[in-house]
Structures are given as C-alpha cells and as structure tokens.
Amino acid sequence: MTKVSRFLSCPEKSFFLFGPRGTGKSSWLQTRFPDALFLDLLSYDLSRQLLARPERLREIVEGNADKQTFVIDEVQRAPTLLDVVHQVIEQHPDLRFVLTGSSARKLKRSGVDLLAGRAVMTTCHPFMAAELGSAFSLEASLAEGLIPLVLAATDRRSVLRTYLDLYLREEIQMEGLVRNLGAFSRFLEAASFSHASLLSASEIARECEVSRTTVEGYLAILEDLLIASRLPIFSKRAKRQLVAHDKFYFFDAGVFRTLRPTGPLDRPQEIDGAALEGLVFHHLRSWNDYSGNHQTLHFWRTRAGLEVDFIVYGASEFAAIEVKNAARIQSSDLSSLRAFRDEYPEARLILLHRGKEQALMDGVLCVPCDRFLRQLKPNSPLPDIGWRNRKATEPVPKRCRS
C-alpha cells in the first residue's frame, strides 16, 4: 500500500516504542532512522547470542562507531539487555537507543528498571483516519480494522485470522504466559461479547468454566500485550449513583470482528454498533497518546441505565461524546447527554452518528462519525466543526445542515 505518514512524534533522546504487532513500529523507524543499526530479536540466532551474553551488545555498539542510533526490536525477548543499554547511555549520552516491543509485561516481571527514566515511553497505534486521508473508509474500517499489516494485504480477513494465531502462538504460548491455551482461546471468544460493554470478570469466568482469578489474569495479559484496554467510570463531583465496572475494548475493530462469533440470532446492528464505538475509542486514545496524554478518557453510566460512551477530561478539554450507529437522530437519543449536562453544564456535548447531516439539537452537536474521525488530529482540540467560537449569549439554532 502507499506509504502513510504517521502521527508518531520522535523524542530527542532514547525511547521505548510499544505497540501491538503489525502496527507499523519497524516501518516507521526504518523511515525515520534510515542510518540506524537495527537489531531484530525475532531473529533466533541474534536473540540466543544476546541472551547468553548480554554484554555482546556493548561490543556491537563499540564496533559501529559510525552509528548514532541503535534500534532493538522486540526488546522484551531479552530483558537483561536493558542493564547494558543503561550503562552505555551513561557512558555515551550522545547515543540514542530505540527499544521496541509488543509487551512490557516481561520487562516488568523481570524487575528491570526501564532505564531509570532515561528513556521516555511512546505507543504506536493502528492507523487513524486523518493519517489515511482519502484512503480512509468508515465501512471498511468497521469490518477489517486499521492495523497497517492487515491493510497492506489483499485478503484482509485471512490475514486477521493469521494475525490472531500469531499472537496466540508467539506472544502467549512461546512466552509461557498461560498454561492452558484452549481455555485462553475460549476466554478470548467470551471476552469479545464484552467489547464496548461493561466488563464482568465473574460472568466471563462462568461462561469459560474457569475461576475469576484466572480470568483476571487473562485480562491482565491482554492489557500488557496492548491487545485490549479498560475504560474507567467518570466519577468527579458525581451526584447520581454510578456503576462500578469498567468498560472493555479490543484495540482494533477488525480484531474484535474476527474474535466475535456470529450466528442466526445475532443482530448485525448490535455488532456494528460495538465495532463503531470501539473505532471511536481507538481514535480518542490514539489522539490522546500522540498528543502527550494531556486528557483522561472515561465513560459515564448511572445505575438507572443512563450512559455516555466517552468523557474527555483535562485542562483544555471537557467533552461528553455519545456514539450512535444510526443514520437519523431522534430527540430520545440525546437523553443521556442531557442528563450529563444537568450534572456538568461545563461539558461540551457531541453525538456521533452514521448519517451525513450535521445538526445542533438542544445544544448537542450531532456530527457524522466519518467527518469527526477524519478531522481528529493529535495536538489539536477535539473537532468542533465550527461551533466552539459561538458566544454563550448567542441563541442556539434548533437545526443546522452541513
């Protein structure tokens, strides 16, 4: 596929670059540092040598005096290398090390200090709509996701299935993260029903016939491998009773669709709605991470069932975002946002939908999801589509067509 310019920023000194497999970490680094020395620990011979003698890394560095940047791919496969990297950085502060990985789990469990803060941590996500530009398709993204490795393939559905097999085989089985791969496979299928929903480890445990402790361990593995994440409840200055559970999302819509089993009793609209919500979550998280984590992301749900999908909260942003998998918006679709406004009148209210019309209804900006995602860019405010500068004293139009 055509080369895509990424929103990843490049720290001035050494840094960790984490991200799920296939999100384009190596490709971006090869473009950004064409003269760097690359050490790929997926190579068995190199990995074996460095595991046996971590100090060999120092010999490699000293033998390549013409290199200023050294990239170590999949560093979690040889955690002891970080001690050597630390020493080299202390002695040669002008050198830059870029350490990539698809998991920080093994590094944390090995007790390494992650270079004692001498290297910043960045994350590489699947493509954002604004990165793809005119090549972005909302419908295709909901069906196949936005993982660069998948989008570069001809048979994307087949590559998605192979991609998940790769994770099960290499990242989980070979690293010995789980003892029973069959139970973990059943857990992945059960967890797919929790995508974009409240997460209940007890319910998943009952369905998989394993203990809740086992499920909590499996969930931690998914989070450490960056395959999934939880979204906490927004409870600041809460007046209503709120739910206690987090929401759960896989990192890519295509991964969710591949894991989610379907049958004659499944409603396509329900699965599409979960995929759409997950796609928006991916974009908000990528936007926030690439911007330097200036905001926090939450959701809001009362015990009475009123729910707002996303709350963006920070010094410069306070917005409540609802996602609807519908082409036409009714007044009843705004009820949760109205309830949120009753408690937090300071918040900006946005409703994303599958239609083509932009409207301002009862103070809620209703925006086509496709348009919102295309305009979402790091280090920029949330797309306001022209309404942010409206003075508070101006009347709110009942309806506005794009």
Protein backbone atom coordinates (compact mmCIF):
# COMPACT_ATOMS: atom_id res chain seq x y z
CA MET A 1 0.00 0.00 0.00
CA THR A 2 1.04 3.64 -0.37
CA LYS A 3 3.41 4.96 2.28
CA VAL A 4 1.41 6.62 5.07
CA SER A 5 2.81 9.47 7.14
CA ARG A 6 2.26 8.65 10.82
CA PHE A 7 1.41 10.99 13.69
CA LEU A 8 4.07 9.42 15.92
CA SER A 9 6.42 12.01 17.34
CA CYS A 10 10.12 11.29 17.75
CA PRO A 11 11.68 12.04 21.17
CA GLU A 12 15.06 13.73 21.08
CA LYS A 13 16.82 11.05 23.13
CA SER A 14 16.44 7.31 23.77
CA PHE A 15 12.89 5.99 23.99
CA PHE A 16 10.72 2.90 24.22
CA LEU A 17 8.21 2.35 21.43
CA PHE A 18 5.50 -0.11 22.42
CA GLY A 19 2.56 -1.25 20.34
CA PRO A 20 0.76 -4.42 19.22
CA ARG A 21 2.30 -6.46 16.44
CA GLY A 22 1.70 -5.14 12.95
CA THR A 23 1.00 -1.53 13.89
CA GLY A 24 3.99 -0.28 11.89
CA LYS A 25 6.65 0.32 14.54
CA SER A 26 9.54 -1.10 12.49
CA SER A 27 8.40 0.53 9.24
CA TRP A 28 8.17 3.93 10.90
CA LEU A 29 11.60 3.54 12.50
CA GLN A 30 13.21 2.48 9.21
CA THR A 31 11.81 5.60 7.59
CA ARG A 32 12.69 7.87 10.49
CA PHE A 33 16.19 6.43 11.14
CA PRO A 34 17.47 5.04 7.82
CA ASP A 35 21.09 5.09 9.04
CA ALA A 36 20.43 3.34 12.36
CA LEU A 37 21.75 -0.12 13.24
CA PHE A 38 18.75 -2.47 13.63
CA LEU A 39 18.93 -5.48 15.94
CA ASP A 40 15.86 -7.69 15.48
CA LEU A 41 15.37 -10.03 18.44
CA LEU A 42 12.80 -12.01 16.46
CA SER A 43 15.92 -13.46 14.81
CA TYR A 44 16.58 -16.62 16.78
CA ASP A 45 20.36 -16.56 16.34
CA LEU A 46 20.75 -12.96 17.46
CA SER A 47 18.31 -13.39 20.33
CA ARG A 48 20.15 -16.52 21.52
CA GLN A 49 23.55 -14.78 21.40
CA LEU A 50 22.39 -11.72 23.32
CA LEU A 51 20.54 -13.77 25.92
CA ALA A 52 23.66 -15.86 26.53
CA ARG A 53 25.97 -12.82 26.61
CA PRO A 54 24.12 -9.50 27.09
CA GLU A 55 27.48 -7.71 27.17
CA ARG A 56 27.83 -8.54 23.48
CA LEU A 57 25.56 -5.55 22.87
CA ARG A 58 28.32 -3.28 24.13
CA GLU A 59 30.73 -4.93 21.69
CA ILE A 60 28.29 -4.31 18.83
CA VAL A 61 27.94 -0.64 19.79
CA GLU A 62 31.68 -0.13 20.12
CA GLY A 63 32.26 -1.87 16.80
CA ASN A 64 29.92 0.53 14.99
CA ALA A 65 31.38 3.90 15.88
CA ASP A 66 29.78 5.47 12.80
CA LYS A 67 26.27 4.81 14.19
CA GLN A 68 24.48 7.22 16.49
CA THR A 69 21.16 5.38 16.74
CA PHE A 70 20.61 1.74 17.67
CA VAL A 71 17.19 0.12 17.32
CA ILE A 72 16.49 -3.05 19.31
CA ASP A 73 13.30 -4.69 18.04
CA GLU A 74 11.15 -6.75 20.45
CA VAL A 75 13.36 -5.98 23.43
CA GLN A 76 11.06 -7.93 25.77
CA ARG A 77 12.65 -11.10 24.41
CA ALA A 78 15.93 -10.21 26.15
CA PRO A 79 15.14 -8.03 29.19
CA THR A 80 18.70 -8.28 30.55
CA LEU A 81 19.87 -6.11 27.63
CA LEU A 82 18.38 -3.09 29.37
CA ASP A 83 21.12 -3.16 32.01
CA VAL A 84 23.72 -2.95 29.25
CA VAL A 85 21.79 -0.21 27.43
CA HIS A 86 21.60 1.72 30.67
CA GLN A 87 25.38 1.52 31.14
CA VAL A 88 26.10 2.54 27.54
CA ILE A 89 23.78 5.56 27.79
CA GLU A 90 25.55 6.63 31.00
CA GLN A 91 28.94 6.48 29.27
CA HIS A 92 27.81 7.80 25.86
CA PRO A 93 24.88 10.21 26.37
CA ASP A 94 25.13 11.29 22.73
CA LEU A 95 23.94 7.84 21.53
CA ARG A 96 20.26 7.12 21.02
CA PHE A 97 18.62 3.76 21.71
CA VAL A 98 15.16 2.98 20.40
CA LEU A 99 13.69 -0.07 22.12
CA THR A 100 10.55 -1.51 20.58
CA GLY A 101 8.23 -4.13 21.99
CA SER A 102 4.75 -5.56 21.75
CA SER A 103 4.58 -6.07 25.50
CA ALA A 104 6.05 -4.51 28.62
CA ARG A 105 4.87 -7.48 30.70
CA LYS A 106 8.08 -9.48 30.64
CA LEU A 107 10.17 -6.38 31.25
CA LYS A 108 8.14 -5.50 34.34
CA ARG A 109 8.17 -9.07 35.67
CA SER A 110 11.93 -9.33 35.16
CA GLY A 111 12.42 -6.48 37.60
CA VAL A 112 14.26 -4.23 35.15
CA ASP A 113 14.07 -0.51 35.80
CA LEU A 114 13.17 0.54 32.23
CA LEU A 115 16.38 2.61 32.14
CA ALA A 116 15.53 4.53 35.32
CA GLY A 117 13.54 7.12 33.43
CA ARG A 118 16.32 7.85 30.94
CA ALA A 119 14.08 6.80 28.07
CA VAL A 120 10.55 8.05 27.51
CA MET A 121 7.75 5.65 26.61
CA THR A 122 5.65 6.08 23.48
CA THR A 123 2.93 3.95 21.93
CA CYS A 124 2.21 3.08 18.31
CA HIS A 125 -1.45 2.51 17.48
CA PRO A 126 -3.21 1.30 14.32
CA PHE A 127 -3.84 3.96 11.68
CA MET A 128 -6.00 6.97 12.43
CA ALA A 129 -8.45 8.21 9.81
CA ALA A 130 -6.57 11.50 9.42
CA GLU A 131 -3.35 9.58 8.68
CA LEU A 132 -5.03 7.70 5.83
CA GLY A 133 -6.77 10.78 4.43
CA SER A 134 -8.83 9.98 1.35
CA ALA A 135 -7.91 6.29 1.69
CA PHE A 136 -9.95 6.03 4.91
CA SER A 137 -13.26 4.20 4.62
CA LEU A 138 -15.51 4.02 7.67
CA GLU A 139 -17.31 0.91 6.42
CA ALA A 140 -14.06 -0.93 5.63
CA SER A 141 -12.55 0.10 8.96
CA LEU A 142 -15.50 -1.32 10.86
CA ALA A 143 -15.19 -4.64 9.03
CA GLU A 144 -11.42 -5.05 8.74
CA GLY A 145 -9.91 -2.63 11.22
CA LEU A 146 -6.95 -0.31 10.77
CA ILE A 147 -3.88 -2.43 11.55
CA PRO A 148 -1.25 -1.47 8.92
CA LEU A 149 -0.16 -5.09 8.45
CA VAL A 150 -3.75 -6.05 7.60
CA LEU A 151 -4.48 -3.07 5.34
CA ALA A 152 -1.39 -3.88 3.27
CA ALA A 153 -2.75 -7.36 2.49
CA THR A 154 -5.04 -8.44 -0.35
CA ASP A 155 -7.06 -10.98 1.65
CA ARG A 156 -7.52 -8.95 4.83
CA ARG A 157 -9.93 -11.34 6.58
CA SER A 158 -7.46 -14.20 6.20
CA VAL A 159 -4.58 -12.05 7.44
CA LEU A 160 -6.63 -11.05 10.50
CA ARG A 161 -7.17 -14.70 11.41
CA THR A 162 -3.46 -15.42 10.91
CA TYR A 163 -2.60 -12.33 12.94
CA LEU A 164 -4.54 -13.62 15.93
CA ASP A 165 -2.96 -17.06 15.57
CA LEU A 166 0.43 -15.34 15.63
CA TYR A 167 -0.39 -13.66 18.91
CA LEU A 168 -1.61 -16.91 20.44
CA ARG A 169 1.44 -18.82 19.28
CA GLU A 170 4.33 -16.38 19.69
CA GLU A 171 3.35 -13.83 22.29
CA ILE A 172 1.34 -16.08 24.60
CA GLN A 173 2.29 -19.71 24.10
CA MET A 174 6.03 -19.28 23.44
CA GLU A 175 6.41 -16.83 26.32
CA GLY A 176 4.61 -19.26 28.62
CA LEU A 177 2.06 -16.66 29.72
CA VAL A 178 -0.76 -19.23 30.04
CA ARG A 179 -0.72 -22.94 30.78
CA ASN A 180 -3.96 -23.86 29.04
CA LEU A 181 -4.12 -22.37 25.56
CA GLY A 182 -7.56 -23.91 24.94
CA ALA A 183 -9.04 -22.15 27.98
CA PHE A 184 -7.44 -18.90 26.88
CA SER A 185 -8.95 -19.27 23.39
CA ARG A 186 -12.39 -19.75 24.94
CA PHE A 187 -11.77 -16.71 27.09
CA LEU A 188 -10.94 -14.57 24.03
CA GLU A 189 -14.22 -15.59 22.40
CA ALA A 190 -16.20 -14.86 25.58
CA ALA A 191 -14.42 -11.54 26.06
CA SER A 192 -15.45 -10.47 22.54
CA PHE A 193 -19.04 -10.21 23.85
CA SER A 194 -17.82 -7.63 26.38
CA HIS A 195 -16.30 -5.36 23.73
CA ALA A 196 -17.75 -1.84 24.18
CA SER A 197 -19.70 -3.13 27.21
CA LEU A 198 -19.37 -3.29 30.97
CA LEU A 199 -16.71 -5.80 31.93
CA SER A 200 -17.69 -8.52 34.39
CA ALA A 201 -14.90 -11.00 35.10
CA SER A 202 -17.35 -13.18 37.04
CA GLU A 203 -19.67 -13.61 34.05
CA ILE A 204 -16.77 -14.43 31.72
CA ALA A 205 -15.44 -16.92 34.28
CA ARG A 206 -18.80 -18.71 34.44
CA GLU A 207 -19.02 -18.89 30.68
CA CYS A 208 -15.48 -20.25 30.31
CA GLU A 209 -15.76 -22.52 33.36
CA VAL A 210 -12.61 -21.16 34.95
CA SER A 211 -12.01 -19.20 38.13
CA ARG A 212 -12.45 -15.45 38.32
CA THR A 213 -8.77 -15.18 39.31
CA THR A 214 -7.84 -16.93 36.06
CA VAL A 215 -9.97 -14.51 34.04
CA GLU A 216 -8.42 -11.52 35.80
CA GLY A 217 -5.01 -12.92 34.89
CA TYR A 218 -6.07 -13.37 31.25
CA LEU A 219 -7.38 -9.78 31.15
CA ALA A 220 -4.05 -8.53 32.52
CA ILE A 221 -2.26 -10.42 29.73
CA LEU A 222 -4.42 -8.72 27.08
CA GLU A 223 -3.71 -5.33 28.58
CA ASP A 224 0.03 -5.96 28.89
CA LEU A 225 0.14 -7.13 25.26
CA LEU A 226 -1.79 -3.97 24.32
CA ILE A 227 -4.49 -6.09 22.68
CA ALA A 228 -7.24 -4.69 24.90
CA SER A 229 -7.81 -1.98 27.48
CA ARG A 230 -10.34 -0.88 30.06
CA LEU A 231 -12.14 2.44 30.26
CA PRO A 232 -12.87 3.70 33.80
CA ILE A 233 -16.01 5.42 35.01
CA PHE A 234 -16.09 9.23 35.27
CA SER A 235 -16.99 9.96 38.88
CA LYS A 236 -15.79 13.50 39.56
CA ARG A 237 -18.34 15.51 41.53
CA ALA A 238 -20.86 12.70 40.98
CA LYS A 239 -24.41 13.26 42.23
CA ARG A 240 -26.06 10.11 40.87
CA GLN A 241 -25.24 6.53 41.73
CA LEU A 242 -22.83 5.15 39.13
CA VAL A 243 -21.88 1.63 38.05
CA ALA A 244 -18.70 0.12 39.45
CA HIS A 245 -17.45 -1.88 36.45
CA ASP A 246 -15.08 -0.61 33.75
CA LYS A 247 -15.84 -0.88 30.04
CA PHE A 248 -13.72 -3.13 27.85
CA TYR A 249 -12.36 -2.65 24.32
CA PHE A 250 -10.15 -4.59 21.96
CA PHE A 251 -7.61 -2.29 20.32
CA ASP A 252 -8.89 -2.76 16.75
CA ALA A 253 -12.33 -3.23 15.20
CA GLY A 254 -11.04 -5.92 12.84
CA VAL A 255 -9.64 -7.94 15.76
CA PHE A 256 -12.99 -7.65 17.55
CA ARG A 257 -14.93 -8.76 14.45
CA THR A 258 -12.61 -11.73 13.94
CA LEU A 259 -12.91 -12.90 17.54
CA ARG A 260 -16.66 -12.31 17.84
CA PRO A 261 -18.61 -15.43 16.82
CA THR A 262 -21.85 -14.81 14.94
CA GLY A 263 -24.97 -16.84 14.47
CA PRO A 264 -28.55 -16.58 13.22
CA LEU A 265 -29.69 -14.99 16.49
CA ASP A 266 -27.13 -12.17 16.35
CA ARG A 267 -28.33 -8.77 15.19
CA PRO A 268 -25.85 -7.22 12.73
CA GLN A 269 -26.73 -3.74 14.01
CA GLU A 270 -25.61 -4.69 17.52
CA ILE A 271 -22.23 -5.96 16.35
CA ASP A 272 -21.79 -2.95 14.03
CA GLY A 273 -22.61 -0.64 16.93
CA ALA A 274 -19.96 -2.22 19.15
CA ALA A 275 -17.41 -2.03 16.31
CA LEU A 276 -18.22 1.65 15.74
CA GLU A 277 -17.86 2.50 19.40
CA GLY A 278 -14.56 0.63 19.53
CA LEU A 279 -13.33 2.52 16.47
CA VAL A 280 -14.09 5.85 18.14
CA PHE A 281 -12.34 4.70 21.31
CA HIS A 282 -9.25 3.74 19.31
CA HIS A 283 -9.16 7.19 17.72
CA LEU A 284 -9.65 9.07 21.00
CA ARG A 285 -6.94 7.02 22.71
CA SER A 286 -4.52 7.46 19.79
CA TRP A 287 -5.25 11.20 19.64
CA ASN A 288 -4.59 11.49 23.38
CA ASP A 289 -1.41 9.37 23.40
CA TYR A 290 0.10 11.10 20.37
CA SER A 291 -0.73 14.47 21.94
CA GLY A 292 1.18 13.61 25.11
CA ASN A 293 -1.63 12.27 27.34
CA HIS A 294 -2.98 15.71 28.14
CA GLN A 295 -6.51 14.41 28.79
CA THR A 296 -8.04 11.42 30.54
CA LEU A 297 -10.67 9.18 28.95
CA HIS A 298 -13.69 7.80 30.79
CA PHE A 299 -17.31 6.78 30.32
CA TRP A 300 -20.36 7.69 32.40
CA ARG A 301 -23.17 5.33 33.36
CA THR A 302 -25.71 5.62 36.14
CA ARG A 303 -27.27 2.68 37.91
CA ALA A 304 -30.54 3.76 36.29
CA GLY A 305 -29.06 2.97 32.87
CA LEU A 306 -28.20 6.42 31.51
CA GLU A 307 -24.87 6.18 29.69
CA VAL A 308 -22.49 8.45 27.79
CA ASP A 309 -19.90 6.48 25.85
CA PHE A 310 -16.87 8.73 26.29
CA ILE A 311 -15.85 11.58 28.58
CA VAL A 312 -12.75 13.52 27.61
CA TYR A 313 -11.49 15.39 30.65
CA GLY A 314 -8.47 17.63 31.08
CA ALA A 315 -7.23 21.18 31.46
CA SER A 316 -8.17 22.12 27.90
CA GLU A 317 -10.99 19.69 27.12
CA PHE A 318 -14.18 18.61 28.83
CA ALA A 319 -16.46 16.85 26.39
CA ALA A 320 -19.12 14.15 26.55
CA ILE A 321 -19.33 12.04 23.39
CA GLU A 322 -22.15 9.63 22.55
CA VAL A 323 -21.87 7.22 19.60
CA LYS A 324 -24.98 6.07 17.74
CA ASN A 325 -24.99 3.50 14.95
CA ALA A 326 -27.90 5.21 13.24
CA ALA A 327 -28.30 7.48 10.22
CA ARG A 328 -31.07 9.57 11.78
CA ILE A 329 -31.02 11.09 15.25
CA GLN A 330 -34.15 11.35 17.36
CA SER A 331 -34.68 13.57 20.39
CA SER A 332 -34.70 10.49 22.62
CA ASP A 333 -31.11 9.73 21.54
CA LEU A 334 -29.99 12.83 23.46
CA SER A 335 -31.42 11.80 26.85
CA SER A 336 -28.11 10.57 28.34
CA LEU A 337 -26.23 13.66 27.17
CA ARG A 338 -28.95 15.88 28.66
CA ALA A 339 -28.64 14.05 31.97
CA PHE A 340 -24.88 14.51 31.90
CA ARG A 341 -25.33 18.21 31.17
CA ASP A 342 -27.57 18.53 34.24
CA GLU A 343 -24.62 17.49 36.40
CA TYR A 344 -21.84 19.02 34.32
CA PRO A 345 -23.05 22.12 32.49
CA GLU A 346 -19.44 22.97 31.62
CA ALA A 347 -19.08 19.99 29.30
CA ARG A 348 -19.33 20.20 25.53
CA LEU A 349 -21.85 17.67 24.19
CA ILE A 350 -21.19 15.74 20.96
CA LEU A 351 -23.18 12.97 19.34
CA LEU A 352 -21.56 10.94 16.55
CA HIS A 353 -23.82 9.14 14.08
CA ARG A 354 -23.69 7.20 10.80
CA GLY A 355 -25.67 9.75 8.79
CA LYS A 356 -24.41 12.60 6.60
CA GLU A 357 -26.18 15.54 8.21
CA GLN A 358 -24.63 17.82 10.80
CA ALA A 359 -27.03 19.35 13.28
CA LEU A 360 -27.19 21.26 16.56
CA MET A 361 -30.07 19.82 18.57
CA ASP A 362 -30.86 21.12 22.05
CA GLY A 363 -27.27 22.25 22.49
CA VAL A 364 -25.85 18.89 21.35
CA LEU A 365 -23.62 18.95 18.29
CA CYS A 366 -24.60 15.98 16.11
CA VAL A 367 -21.77 15.14 13.71
CA PRO A 368 -21.29 12.37 11.15
CA CYS A 369 -18.80 9.96 12.69
CA ASP A 370 -16.83 9.76 9.44
CA ARG A 371 -16.29 13.53 9.45
CA PHE A 372 -15.33 13.65 13.13
CA LEU A 373 -12.71 10.89 12.80
CA ARG A 374 -11.15 12.43 9.68
CA GLN A 375 -10.66 15.75 11.50
CA LEU A 376 -9.30 14.27 14.75
CA LYS A 377 -5.56 15.05 14.85
CA PRO A 378 -3.01 15.00 17.70
CA ASN A 379 -2.06 18.27 19.39
CA SER A 380 -5.30 19.83 18.18
CA PRO A 381 -8.58 20.29 20.08
CA LEU A 382 -11.42 17.87 19.52
CA PRO A 383 -13.10 18.76 16.20
CA ASP A 384 -15.75 21.33 16.99
CA ILE A 385 -16.98 21.65 13.38
CA GLY A 386 -17.31 25.42 13.78
CA TRP A 387 -19.34 25.70 16.99
CA ARG A 388 -16.66 26.30 19.62
CA ASN A 389 -16.49 30.03 18.93
CA ARG A 390 -20.20 30.63 19.33
CA LYS A 391 -20.66 33.14 22.17
CA ALA A 392 -22.68 31.98 25.15
CA THR A 393 -25.12 34.86 24.66
CA GLU A 394 -25.96 33.85 21.09
CA PRO A 395 -29.13 31.84 20.56
CA VAL A 396 -28.65 28.14 19.84
CA PRO A 397 -30.06 27.20 16.42
CA LYS A 398 -32.53 24.35 16.54
CA ARG A 399 -31.11 22.76 13.44
CA CYS A 400 -28.13 23.28 11.20
CA ARG A 401 -27.47 21.45 7.95
CA SER A 402 -23.94 20.88 6.66
